[in-house]
Amino acid sequence: MKSNKSPIGPEKLADFYAETEAGKPASETSSPESSPAVYVCPRCGNKISHRKEPCPHCGYRGYVPMSSKETLKIRMILFAILLVVAIAVYILTQNN
């Protein structure tokens, strides 16, 4: 069985995660809204186009963090769903 251990040092991996959490794009230039997101493989450092598929360069299948923009989008959707559920529960449990 192959191990998904990263051959790069923990400092480089920590920098990668810090950049990703800060919302910096993996490419040197900021990408416009219409272009797809670009991610960096934590194992080999090459650019990958999709975080859920294996790296085409080294085959890394481990965790590639989402960008802060994707995280914010998911949080807003979940907040809206929870708000609707809370309002529905409040309305349905009111004693008339």
PDB file of N, CA and C in Angstrom:
ATOM      1  N   MET A   1       0.825  -1.170   0.000  1.00  0.00           N
ATOM      2  CA  MET A   1       0.000   0.000   0.000  1.00  0.00           C
ATOM      3  C   MET A   1       0.877   1.244   0.000  1.00  0.00           C
ATOM      4  N   LYS A   2       0.475   2.236  -0.798  1.00  0.00           N
ATOM      5  CA  LYS A   2       1.237   3.467  -0.856  1.00  0.00           C
ATOM      6  C   LYS A   2       0.897   4.361   0.312  1.00  0.00           C
ATOM      7  N   SER A   3       1.873   5.066   0.777  1.00  0.00           N
ATOM      8  CA  SER A   3       1.664   6.017   1.866  1.00  0.00           C
ATOM      9  C   SER A   3       1.492   7.407   1.266  1.00  0.00           C
ATOM     10  N   ASN A   4       0.596   8.199   1.809  1.00  0.00           N
ATOM     11  CA  ASN A   4       0.392   9.564   1.347  1.00  0.00           C
ATOM     12  C   ASN A   4       1.240  10.555   2.121  1.00  0.00           C
ATOM     13  N   LYS A   5       2.325  10.100   2.707  1.00  0.00           N
ATOM     14  CA  LYS A   5       3.225  10.982   3.440  1.00  0.00           C
ATOM     15  C   LYS A   5       3.865  11.960   2.465  1.00  0.00           C
ATOM     16  N   SER A   6       3.959  13.177   2.863  1.00  0.00           N
ATOM     17  CA  SER A   6       4.529  14.212   2.021  1.00  0.00           C
ATOM     18  C   SER A   6       6.051  14.208   2.156  1.00  0.00           C
ATOM     19  N   PRO A   7       6.810  14.129   1.027  1.00  0.00           N
ATOM     20  CA  PRO A   7       8.260  14.149   1.102  1.00  0.00           C
ATOM     21  C   PRO A   7       8.813  15.550   1.336  1.00  0.00           C
ATOM     22  N   ILE A   8       7.973  16.573   1.249  1.00  0.00           N
ATOM     23  CA  ILE A   8       8.454  17.922   1.494  1.00  0.00           C
ATOM     24  C   ILE A   8       8.463  18.198   2.989  1.00  0.00           C
ATOM     25  N   GLY A   9       9.238  19.171   3.389  1.00  0.00           N
ATOM     26  CA  GLY A   9       9.377  19.484   4.809  1.00  0.00           C
ATOM     27  C   GLY A   9       8.122  20.088   5.409  1.00  0.00           C
ATOM     28  N   PRO A  10       7.982  19.996   6.726  1.00  0.00           N
ATOM     29  CA  PRO A  10       6.789  20.540   7.377  1.00  0.00           C
ATOM     30  C   PRO A  10       6.685  22.061   7.245  1.00  0.00           C
ATOM     31  N   GLU A  11       7.823  22.751   7.084  1.00  0.00           N
ATOM     32  CA  GLU A  11       7.786  24.197   6.940  1.00  0.00           C
ATOM     33  C   GLU A  11       7.109  24.582   5.627  1.00  0.00           C
ATOM     34  N   LYS A  12       7.468  23.881   4.548  1.00  0.00           N
ATOM     35  CA  LYS A  12       6.895  24.177   3.244  1.00  0.00           C
ATOM     36  C   LYS A  12       5.406  23.848   3.235  1.00  0.00           C
ATOM     37  N   LEU A  13       5.026  22.767   3.871  1.00  0.00           N
ATOM     38  CA  LEU A  13       3.628  22.387   3.946  1.00  0.00           C
ATOM     39  C   LEU A  13       2.837  23.391   4.782  1.00  0.00           C
ATOM     40  N   ALA A  14       3.425  23.873   5.872  1.00  0.00           N
ATOM     41  CA  ALA A  14       2.770  24.881   6.706  1.00  0.00           C
ATOM     42  C   ALA A  14       2.579  26.177   5.921  1.00  0.00           C
ATOM     43  N   ASP A  15       3.572  26.558   5.118  1.00  0.00           N
ATOM     44  CA  ASP A  15       3.439  27.748   4.282  1.00  0.00           C
ATOM     45  C   ASP A  15       2.318  27.575   3.264  1.00  0.00           C
ATOM     46  N   PHE A  16       2.229  26.384   2.693  1.00  0.00           N
ATOM     47  CA  PHE A  16       1.174  26.090   1.724  1.00  0.00           C
ATOM     48  C   PHE A  16      -0.201  26.267   2.350  1.00  0.00           C
ATOM     49  N   TYR A  17      -0.388  25.690   3.543  1.00  0.00           N
ATOM     50  CA  TYR A  17      -1.685  25.801   4.208  1.00  0.00           C
ATOM     51  C   TYR A  17      -1.980  27.241   4.615  1.00  0.00           C
ATOM     52  N   ALA A  18      -0.971  27.978   5.049  1.00  0.00           N
ATOM     53  CA  ALA A  18      -1.164  29.374   5.441  1.00  0.00           C
ATOM     54  C   ALA A  18      -1.581  30.215   4.235  1.00  0.00           C
ATOM     55  N   GLU A  19      -0.944  30.004   3.088  1.00  0.00           N
ATOM     56  CA  GLU A  19      -1.310  30.737   1.874  1.00  0.00           C
ATOM     57  C   GLU A  19      -2.727  30.396   1.440  1.00  0.00           C
ATOM     58  N   THR A  20      -3.095  29.126   1.531  1.00  0.00           N
ATOM     59  CA  THR A  20      -4.425  28.699   1.116  1.00  0.00           C
ATOM     60  C   THR A  20      -5.483  29.281   2.030  1.00  0.00           C
ATOM     61  N   GLU A  21      -5.238  29.290   3.342  1.00  0.00           N
ATOM     62  CA  GLU A  21      -6.199  29.854   4.286  1.00  0.00           C
ATOM     63  C   GLU A  21      -6.321  31.356   4.116  1.00  0.00           C
ATOM     64  N   ALA A  22      -5.242  32.018   3.699  1.00  0.00           N
ATOM     65  CA  ALA A  22      -5.272  33.462   3.510  1.00  0.00           C
ATOM     66  C   ALA A  22      -5.997  33.841   2.223  1.00  0.00           C
ATOM     67  N   GLY A  23      -6.338  32.853   1.396  1.00  0.00           N
ATOM     68  CA  GLY A  23      -7.084  33.111   0.173  1.00  0.00           C
ATOM     69  C   GLY A  23      -6.220  33.509  -1.002  1.00  0.00           C
ATOM     70  N   LYS A  24      -4.907  33.327  -0.899  1.00  0.00           N
ATOM     71  CA  LYS A  24      -4.038  33.660  -2.007  1.00  0.00           C
ATOM     72  C   LYS A  24      -4.179  32.596  -3.082  1.00  0.00           C
ATOM     73  N   PRO A  25      -4.257  32.996  -4.346  1.00  0.00           N
ATOM     74  CA  PRO A  25      -4.347  31.992  -5.403  1.00  0.00           C
ATOM     75  C   PRO A  25      -3.020  31.259  -5.562  1.00  0.00           C
ATOM     76  N   ALA A  26      -3.080  30.065  -6.085  1.00  0.00           N
ATOM     77  CA  ALA A  26      -1.872  29.267  -6.267  1.00  0.00           C
ATOM     78  C   ALA A  26      -1.000  29.838  -7.372  1.00  0.00           C
ATOM     79  N   SER A  27      -1.595  30.527  -8.336  1.00  0.00           N
ATOM     80  CA  SER A  27      -0.807  31.129  -9.392  1.00  0.00           C
ATOM     81  C   SER A  27      -0.304  32.494  -8.940  1.00  0.00           C
ATOM     82  N   GLU A  28       0.662  33.033  -9.648  1.00  0.00           N
ATOM     83  CA  GLU A  28       1.246  34.311  -9.276  1.00  0.00           C
ATOM     84  C   GLU A  28       0.298  35.472  -9.553  1.00  0.00           C
ATOM     85  N   THR A  29      -0.567  35.325 -10.547  1.00  0.00           N
ATOM     86  CA  THR A  29      -1.518  36.379 -10.862  1.00  0.00           C
ATOM     87  C   THR A  29      -2.869  36.012 -10.310  1.00  0.00           C
ATOM     88  N   SER A  30      -3.634  37.015  -9.933  1.00  0.00           N
ATOM     89  CA  SER A  30      -4.964  36.727  -9.416  1.00  0.00           C
ATOM     90  C   SER A  30      -5.870  36.361 -10.579  1.00  0.00           C
ATOM     91  N   SER A  31      -6.667  35.340 -10.394  1.00  0.00           N
ATOM     92  CA  SER A  31      -7.514  34.853 -11.461  1.00  0.00           C
ATOM     93  C   SER A  31      -8.850  35.577 -11.427  1.00  0.00           C
ATOM     94  N   PRO A  32      -9.424  35.858 -12.594  1.00  0.00           N
ATOM     95  CA  PRO A  32     -10.731  36.493 -12.626  1.00  0.00           C
ATOM     96  C   PRO A  32     -11.809  35.520 -12.178  1.00  0.00           C
ATOM     97  N   GLU A  33     -13.001  36.035 -11.889  1.00  0.00           N
ATOM     98  CA  GLU A  33     -14.098  35.220 -11.379  1.00  0.00           C
ATOM     99  C   GLU A  33     -14.468  34.083 -12.323  1.00  0.00           C
ATOM    100  N   SER A  34     -14.394  34.307 -13.634  1.00  0.00           N
ATOM    101  CA  SER A  34     -14.852  33.308 -14.595  1.00  0.00           C
ATOM    102  C   SER A  34     -13.876  32.152 -14.776  1.00  0.00           C
ATOM    103  N   SER A  35     -12.603  32.331 -14.446  1.00  0.00           N
ATOM    104  CA  SER A  35     -11.645  31.253 -14.639  1.00  0.00           C
ATOM    105  C   SER A  35     -11.692  30.283 -13.455  1.00  0.00           C
ATOM    106  N   PRO A  36     -11.382  29.013 -13.720  1.00  0.00           N
ATOM    107  CA  PRO A  36     -11.427  28.031 -12.635  1.00  0.00           C
ATOM    108  C   PRO A  36     -10.312  28.259 -11.625  1.00  0.00           C
ATOM    109  N   ALA A  37     -10.551  27.800 -10.410  1.00  0.00           N
ATOM    110  CA  ALA A  37      -9.558  27.937  -9.357  1.00  0.00           C
ATOM    111  C   ALA A  37      -8.352  27.056  -9.661  1.00  0.00           C
ATOM    112  N   VAL A  38      -7.190  27.508  -9.222  1.00  0.00           N
ATOM    113  CA  VAL A  38      -5.964  26.739  -9.395  1.00  0.00           C
ATOM    114  C   VAL A  38      -5.438  26.419  -8.015  1.00  0.00           C
ATOM    115  N   TYR A  39      -5.100  25.165  -7.789  1.00  0.00           N
ATOM    116  CA  TYR A  39      -4.590  24.712  -6.504  1.00  0.00           C
ATOM    117  C   TYR A  39      -3.169  24.222  -6.681  1.00  0.00           C
ATOM    118  N   VAL A  40      -2.453  24.100  -5.567  1.00  0.00           N
ATOM    119  CA  VAL A  40      -1.081  23.605  -5.587  1.00  0.00           C
ATOM    120  C   VAL A  40      -1.045  22.274  -4.850  1.00  0.00           C
ATOM    121  N   CYS A  41      -0.431  21.285  -5.464  1.00  0.00           N
ATOM    122  CA  CYS A  41      -0.288  19.971  -4.837  1.00  0.00           C
ATOM    123  C   CYS A  41       0.673  20.104  -3.657  1.00  0.00           C
ATOM    124  N   PRO A  42       0.255  19.676  -2.446  1.00  0.00           N
ATOM    125  CA  PRO A  42       1.148  19.802  -1.295  1.00  0.00           C
ATOM    126  C   PRO A  42       2.356  18.877  -1.350  1.00  0.00           C
ATOM    127  N   ARG A  43       2.291  17.828  -2.161  1.00  0.00           N
ATOM    128  CA  ARG A  43       3.419  16.894  -2.242  1.00  0.00           C
ATOM    129  C   ARG A  43       4.489  17.390  -3.210  1.00  0.00           C
ATOM    130  N   CYS A  44       4.087  17.685  -4.464  1.00  0.00           N
ATOM    131  CA  CYS A  44       5.098  18.030  -5.472  1.00  0.00           C
ATOM    132  C   CYS A  44       5.184  19.520  -5.772  1.00  0.00           C
ATOM    133  N   GLY A  45       4.175  20.300  -5.375  1.00  0.00           N
ATOM    134  CA  GLY A  45       4.198  21.736  -5.588  1.00  0.00           C
ATOM    135  C   GLY A  45       3.731  22.186  -6.959  1.00  0.00           C
ATOM    136  N   ASN A  46       3.317  21.262  -7.818  1.00  0.00           N
ATOM    137  CA  ASN A  46       2.815  21.627  -9.138  1.00  0.00           C
ATOM    138  C   ASN A  46       1.373  22.095  -9.054  1.00  0.00           C
ATOM    139  N   LYS A  47       0.958  22.860 -10.058  1.00  0.00           N
ATOM    140  CA  LYS A  47      -0.415  23.357 -10.107  1.00  0.00           C
ATOM    141  C   LYS A  47      -1.355  22.234 -10.519  1.00  0.00           C
ATOM    142  N   ILE A  48      -2.507  22.183  -9.864  1.00  0.00           N
ATOM    143  CA  ILE A  48      -3.550  21.229 -10.241  1.00  0.00           C
ATOM    144  C   ILE A  48      -4.839  22.014 -10.412  1.00  0.00           C
ATOM    145  N   SER A  49      -5.718  21.529 -11.277  1.00  0.00           N
ATOM    146  CA  SER A  49      -6.922  22.290 -11.587  1.00  0.00           C
ATOM    147  C   SER A  49      -8.114  21.900 -10.728  1.00  0.00           C
ATOM    148  N   HIS A  50      -8.071  20.742 -10.105  1.00  0.00           N
ATOM    149  CA  HIS A  50      -9.214  20.288  -9.325  1.00  0.00           C
ATOM    150  C   HIS A  50      -8.710  19.655  -8.039  1.00  0.00           C
ATOM    151  N   ARG A  51      -9.260  20.050  -6.906  1.00  0.00           N
ATOM    152  CA  ARG A  51      -8.748  19.574  -5.616  1.00  0.00           C
ATOM    153  C   ARG A  51      -9.221  18.183  -5.257  1.00  0.00           C
ATOM    154  N   LYS A  52     -10.247  17.646  -5.931  1.00  0.00           N
ATOM    155  CA  LYS A  52     -10.784  16.341  -5.579  1.00  0.00           C
ATOM    156  C   LYS A  52     -10.224  15.212  -6.437  1.00  0.00           C
ATOM    157  N   GLU A  53      -9.472  15.536  -7.457  1.00  0.00           N
ATOM    158  CA  GLU A  53      -8.872  14.524  -8.318  1.00  0.00           C
ATOM    159  C   GLU A  53      -7.398  14.358  -7.952  1.00  0.00           C
ATOM    160  N   PRO A  54      -6.817  13.179  -8.221  1.00  0.00           N
ATOM    161  CA  PRO A  54      -5.396  12.990  -7.916  1.00  0.00           C
ATOM    162  C   PRO A  54      -4.524  13.925  -8.747  1.00  0.00           C
ATOM    163  N   CYS A  55      -3.383  14.273  -8.192  1.00  0.00           N
ATOM    164  CA  CYS A  55      -2.429  15.130  -8.905  1.00  0.00           C
ATOM    165  C   CYS A  55      -1.943  14.388 -10.149  1.00  0.00           C
ATOM    166  N   PRO A  56      -2.014  15.008 -11.323  1.00  0.00           N
ATOM    167  CA  PRO A  56      -1.554  14.324 -12.532  1.00  0.00           C
ATOM    168  C   PRO A  56      -0.040  14.159 -12.590  1.00  0.00           C
ATOM    169  N   HIS A  57       0.694  14.894 -11.745  1.00  0.00           N
ATOM    170  CA  HIS A  57       2.153  14.842 -11.770  1.00  0.00           C
ATOM    171  C   HIS A  57       2.716  13.758 -10.854  1.00  0.00           C
ATOM    172  N   CYS A  58       2.168  13.669  -9.622  1.00  0.00           N
ATOM    173  CA  CYS A  58       2.732  12.716  -8.657  1.00  0.00           C
ATOM    174  C   CYS A  58       1.706  11.710  -8.139  1.00  0.00           C
ATOM    175  N   GLY A  59       0.424  11.897  -8.467  1.00  0.00           N
ATOM    176  CA  GLY A  59      -0.607  10.966  -8.032  1.00  0.00           C
ATOM    177  C   GLY A  59      -1.100  11.185  -6.615  1.00  0.00           C
ATOM    178  N   TYR A  60      -0.750  12.302  -5.981  1.00  0.00           N
ATOM    179  CA  TYR A  60      -1.159  12.592  -4.601  1.00  0.00           C
ATOM    180  C   TYR A  60      -2.674  12.621  -4.511  1.00  0.00           C
ATOM    181  N   ARG A  61      -3.229  11.871  -3.554  1.00  0.00           N
ATOM    182  CA  ARG A  61      -4.673  11.785  -3.390  1.00  0.00           C
ATOM    183  C   ARG A  61      -5.123  12.319  -2.034  1.00  0.00           C
ATOM    184  N   GLY A  62      -4.256  12.986  -1.325  1.00  0.00           N
ATOM    185  CA  GLY A  62      -4.574  13.459   0.016  1.00  0.00           C
ATOM    186  C   GLY A  62      -5.374  14.745   0.007  1.00  0.00           C
ATOM    187  N   TYR A  63      -5.427  15.374   1.170  1.00  0.00           N
ATOM    188  CA  TYR A  63      -6.227  16.565   1.386  1.00  0.00           C
ATOM    189  C   TYR A  63      -5.591  17.788   0.725  1.00  0.00           C
ATOM    190  N   VAL A  64      -6.376  18.477  -0.090  1.00  0.00           N
ATOM    191  CA  VAL A  64      -5.992  19.764  -0.646  1.00  0.00           C
ATOM    192  C   VAL A  64      -7.037  20.750  -0.150  1.00  0.00           C
ATOM    193  N   PRO A  65      -6.652  21.724   0.676  1.00  0.00           N
ATOM    194  CA  PRO A  65      -7.637  22.618   1.292  1.00  0.00           C
ATOM    195  C   PRO A  65      -8.369  23.491   0.279  1.00  0.00           C
ATOM    196  N   MET A  66      -9.604  23.863   0.637  1.00  0.00           N
ATOM    197  CA  MET A  66     -10.400  24.770  -0.182  1.00  0.00           C
ATOM    198  C   MET A  66      -9.877  26.188  -0.018  1.00  0.00           C
ATOM    199  N   SER A  67     -10.179  26.993  -1.000  1.00  0.00           N
ATOM    200  CA  SER A  67      -9.825  28.406  -0.875  1.00  0.00           C
ATOM    201  C   SER A  67     -10.786  29.065   0.092  1.00  0.00           C
ATOM    202  N   SER A  68     -10.419  30.221   0.581  1.00  0.00           N
ATOM    203  CA  SER A  68     -11.280  30.923   1.532  1.00  0.00           C
ATOM    204  C   SER A  68     -12.591  31.357   0.871  1.00  0.00           C
ATOM    205  N   LYS A  69     -12.557  31.621  -0.431  1.00  0.00           N
ATOM    206  CA  LYS A  69     -13.767  31.998  -1.153  1.00  0.00           C
ATOM    207  C   LYS A  69     -14.757  30.835  -1.187  1.00  0.00           C
ATOM    208  N   GLU A  70     -14.259  29.619  -1.430  1.00  0.00           N
ATOM    209  CA  GLU A  70     -15.135  28.438  -1.429  1.00  0.00           C
ATOM    210  C   GLU A  70     -15.678  28.164  -0.024  1.00  0.00           C
ATOM    211  N   THR A  71     -14.843  28.322   0.980  1.00  0.00           N
ATOM    212  CA  THR A  71     -15.266  28.109   2.362  1.00  0.00           C
ATOM    213  C   THR A  71     -16.349  29.098   2.752  1.00  0.00           C
ATOM    214  N   LEU A  72     -16.182  30.360   2.389  1.00  0.00           N
ATOM    215  CA  LEU A  72     -17.178  31.384   2.691  1.00  0.00           C
ATOM    216  C   LEU A  72     -18.507  31.071   2.005  1.00  0.00           C
ATOM    217  N   LYS A  73     -18.449  30.619   0.775  1.00  0.00           N
ATOM    218  CA  LYS A  73     -19.660  30.280   0.027  1.00  0.00           C
ATOM    219  C   LYS A  73     -20.426  29.152   0.733  1.00  0.00           C
ATOM    220  N   ILE A  74     -19.725  28.121   1.148  1.00  0.00           N
ATOM    221  CA  ILE A  74     -20.357  26.997   1.842  1.00  0.00           C
ATOM    222  C   ILE A  74     -20.942  27.451   3.170  1.00  0.00           C
ATOM    223  N   ARG A  75     -20.219  28.275   3.909  1.00  0.00           N
ATOM    224  CA  ARG A  75     -20.721  28.770   5.199  1.00  0.00           C
ATOM    225  C   ARG A  75     -21.990  29.603   5.035  1.00  0.00           C
ATOM    226  N   MET A  76     -22.028  30.434   3.995  1.00  0.00           N
ATOM    227  CA  MET A  76     -23.220  31.259   3.758  1.00  0.00           C
ATOM    228  C   MET A  76     -24.427  30.399   3.399  1.00  0.00           C
ATOM    229  N   ILE A  77     -24.227  29.370   2.600  1.00  0.00           N
ATOM    230  CA  ILE A  77     -25.325  28.471   2.239  1.00  0.00           C
ATOM    231  C   ILE A  77     -25.835  27.736   3.466  1.00  0.00           C
ATOM    232  N   LEU A  78     -24.925  27.214   4.287  1.00  0.00           N
ATOM    233  CA  LEU A  78     -25.337  26.513   5.502  1.00  0.00           C
ATOM    234  C   LEU A  78     -26.057  27.448   6.474  1.00  0.00           C
ATOM    235  N   PHE A  79     -25.593  28.685   6.597  1.00  0.00           N
ATOM    236  CA  PHE A  79     -26.251  29.653   7.463  1.00  0.00           C
ATOM    237  C   PHE A  79     -27.674  29.923   6.989  1.00  0.00           C
ATOM    238  N   ALA A  80     -27.853  30.078   5.678  1.00  0.00           N
ATOM    239  CA  ALA A  80     -29.183  30.335   5.129  1.00  0.00           C
ATOM    240  C   ALA A  80     -30.118  29.157   5.392  1.00  0.00           C
ATOM    241  N   ILE A  81     -29.618  27.949   5.216  1.00  0.00           N
ATOM    242  CA  ILE A  81     -30.439  26.751   5.463  1.00  0.00           C
ATOM    243  C   ILE A  81     -30.827  26.677   6.935  1.00  0.00           C
ATOM    244  N   LEU A  82     -29.868  26.888   7.823  1.00  0.00           N
ATOM    245  CA  LEU A  82     -30.166  26.848   9.260  1.00  0.00           C
ATOM    246  C   LEU A  82     -31.149  27.939   9.668  1.00  0.00           C
ATOM    247  N   LEU A  83     -31.030  29.106   9.071  1.00  0.00           N
ATOM    248  CA  LEU A  83     -31.948  30.198   9.375  1.00  0.00           C
ATOM    249  C   LEU A  83     -33.373  29.839   8.951  1.00  0.00           C
ATOM    250  N   VAL A  84     -33.532  29.272   7.776  1.00  0.00           N
ATOM    251  CA  VAL A  84     -34.855  28.855   7.300  1.00  0.00           C
ATOM    252  C   VAL A  84     -35.433  27.784   8.210  1.00  0.00           C
ATOM    253  N   VAL A  85     -34.629  26.809   8.611  1.00  0.00           N
ATOM    254  CA  VAL A  85     -35.097  25.748   9.506  1.00  0.00           C
ATOM    255  C   VAL A  85     -35.496  26.339  10.858  1.00  0.00           C
ATOM    256  N   ALA A  86     -34.706  27.252  11.386  1.00  0.00           N
ATOM    257  CA  ALA A  86     -35.019  27.864  12.683  1.00  0.00           C
ATOM    258  C   ALA A  86     -36.325  28.650  12.617  1.00  0.00           C
ATOM    259  N   ILE A  87     -36.528  29.390  11.541  1.00  0.00           N
ATOM    260  CA  ILE A  87     -37.775  30.143  11.385  1.00  0.00           C
ATOM    261  C   ILE A  87     -38.960  29.192  11.271  1.00  0.00           C
ATOM    262  N   ALA A  88     -38.794  28.108  10.507  1.00  0.00           N
ATOM    263  CA  ALA A  88     -39.875  27.133  10.351  1.00  0.00           C
ATOM    264  C   ALA A  88     -40.212  26.476  11.686  1.00  0.00           C
ATOM    265  N   VAL A  89     -39.218  26.113  12.462  1.00  0.00           N
ATOM    266  CA  VAL A  89     -39.459  25.504  13.775  1.00  0.00           C
ATOM    267  C   VAL A  89     -40.150  26.500  14.693  1.00  0.00           C
ATOM    268  N   TYR A  90     -39.731  27.749  14.679  1.00  0.00           N
ATOM    269  CA  TYR A  90     -40.349  28.773  15.501  1.00  0.00           C
ATOM    270  C   TYR A  90     -41.831  28.965  15.141  1.00  0.00           C
ATOM    271  N   ILE A  91     -42.120  29.039  13.853  1.00  0.00           N
ATOM    272  CA  ILE A  91     -43.503  29.225  13.414  1.00  0.00           C
ATOM    273  C   ILE A  91     -44.359  28.025  13.759  1.00  0.00           C
ATOM    274  N   LEU A  92     -43.844  26.830  13.562  1.00  0.00           N
ATOM    275  CA  LEU A  92     -44.621  25.616  13.809  1.00  0.00           C
ATOM    276  C   LEU A  92     -44.843  25.336  15.291  1.00  0.00           C
ATOM    277  N   THR A  93     -43.987  25.850  16.160  1.00  0.00           N
ATOM    278  CA  THR A  93     -44.136  25.553  17.584  1.00  0.00           C
ATOM    279  C   THR A  93     -44.838  26.669  18.355  1.00  0.00           C
ATOM    280  N   GLN A  94     -45.293  27.712  17.681  1.00  0.00           N
ATOM    281  CA  GLN A  94     -46.014  28.791  18.352  1.00  0.00           C
ATOM    282  C   GLN A  94     -47.375  28.304  18.818  1.00  0.00           C
ATOM    283  N   ASN A  95     -47.729  28.639  20.044  1.00  0.00           N
ATOM    284  CA  ASN A  95     -49.067  28.315  20.576  1.00  0.00           C
ATOM    285  C   ASN A  95     -50.017  29.465  20.240  1.00  0.00           C
ATOM    286  N   ASN A  96     -51.056  29.146  19.556  1.00  0.00           N
ATOM    287  CA  ASN A  96     -52.036  30.172  19.178  1.00  0.00           C
ATOM    288  C   ASN A  96     -53.059  30.387  20.238  1.00  0.00           C
TER     289      ASN A  96
END
